[in-house]
Amino acid sequence: KWYRNYFYFCSKYHSPGPNAISPFFESKFARMEYVGDNKFNLSYMRYTGQWLELYEGLSLDECLTAIEKEPHFIP
């Protein structure tokens, strides 16, 4: 999902219980911030609910590789 200069990766969960507030909910687990010249800063969502920036100035391919391989980005 795009929001301003950020692109968020979200995981979608199903809540099938009869007392569920909503049948589905989303959780953001990675954020790419566009910083210009086709470069991004890459962050992950900490258990505290705050974003922690791990990388600066990565290309799109480098960001996608990091999200795929780094344990910080496991939803």
Protein backbone atom coordinates (compact mmCIF):
# COMPACT_ATOMS: atom_id res chain seq x y z
CA LYS A 1 0.00 0.00 0.00
CA TRP A 2 1.31 3.45 -0.92
CA TYR A 3 0.96 6.30 1.53
CA ARG A 4 2.86 9.52 0.74
CA ASN A 5 6.55 8.54 0.28
CA TYR A 6 6.08 5.10 1.85
CA PHE A 7 5.23 1.72 0.40
CA TYR A 8 4.05 -0.79 3.02
CA PHE A 9 4.07 -4.57 2.83
CA CYS A 10 1.15 -6.05 4.73
CA SER A 11 0.09 -9.51 5.76
CA LYS A 12 -3.62 -10.31 5.91
CA TYR A 13 -5.07 -12.53 8.63
CA HIS A 14 -8.43 -14.24 8.96
CA SER A 15 -10.38 -14.17 12.24
CA PRO A 16 -13.11 -16.79 11.88
CA GLY A 17 -14.38 -16.73 15.48
CA PRO A 18 -17.97 -15.71 16.27
CA ASN A 19 -16.79 -12.90 18.58
CA ALA A 20 -14.30 -11.41 16.11
CA ILE A 21 -14.59 -7.65 15.64
CA SER A 22 -13.75 -8.06 11.96
CA PRO A 23 -13.40 -11.21 9.81
CA PHE A 24 -9.99 -10.01 8.50
CA PHE A 25 -7.22 -7.68 9.59
CA GLU A 26 -3.93 -6.50 8.12
CA SER A 27 -0.56 -6.06 9.76
CA LYS A 28 2.28 -4.01 8.25
CA PHE A 29 5.68 -5.69 8.45
CA ALA A 30 7.97 -3.78 6.05
CA ARG A 31 8.19 -0.20 4.84
CA MET A 32 10.06 1.25 1.89
CA GLU A 33 10.55 5.02 1.95
CA TYR A 34 11.27 6.62 -1.41
CA VAL A 35 14.20 9.01 -1.01
CA GLY A 36 14.76 9.94 -4.67
CA ASP A 37 16.91 8.76 -7.56
CA ASN A 38 15.23 5.31 -7.50
CA LYS A 39 16.53 4.67 -3.96
CA PHE A 40 14.66 3.56 -0.84
CA ASN A 41 15.20 3.33 2.90
CA LEU A 42 13.98 -0.01 4.27
CA SER A 43 12.42 -0.45 7.71
CA TYR A 44 10.67 -3.18 9.65
CA MET A 45 7.93 -3.02 12.29
CA ARG A 46 9.26 -3.78 15.76
CA TYR A 47 7.22 -5.56 18.40
CA THR A 48 6.88 -2.13 20.07
CA GLY A 49 4.81 -0.84 17.14
CA GLN A 50 7.60 1.46 15.93
CA TRP A 51 9.46 1.35 12.62
CA LEU A 52 13.19 0.63 12.73
CA GLU A 53 15.20 1.59 9.66
CA LEU A 54 17.73 -1.09 8.71
CA TYR A 55 18.98 0.10 5.33
CA GLU A 56 19.41 3.40 3.52
CA GLY A 57 19.71 4.08 -0.19
CA LEU A 58 18.83 0.64 -1.56
CA SER A 59 17.51 -0.04 -5.03
CA LEU A 60 14.12 -1.68 -5.49
CA ASP A 61 15.73 -5.07 -6.23
CA GLU A 62 17.94 -4.82 -3.13
CA CYS A 63 14.90 -4.01 -0.97
CA LEU A 64 12.90 -6.95 -2.31
CA THR A 65 15.84 -9.31 -1.78
CA ALA A 66 16.27 -8.10 1.82
CA ILE A 67 12.54 -8.53 2.53
CA GLU A 68 12.67 -12.05 1.12
CA LYS A 69 15.81 -13.19 2.96
CA GLU A 70 16.14 -11.20 6.21
CA PRO A 71 14.50 -12.61 9.37
CA HIS A 72 13.32 -9.12 10.45
CA PHE A 73 10.75 -9.13 7.67
CA ILE A 74 8.96 -12.38 8.49
CA PRO A 75 5.30 -11.39 8.94
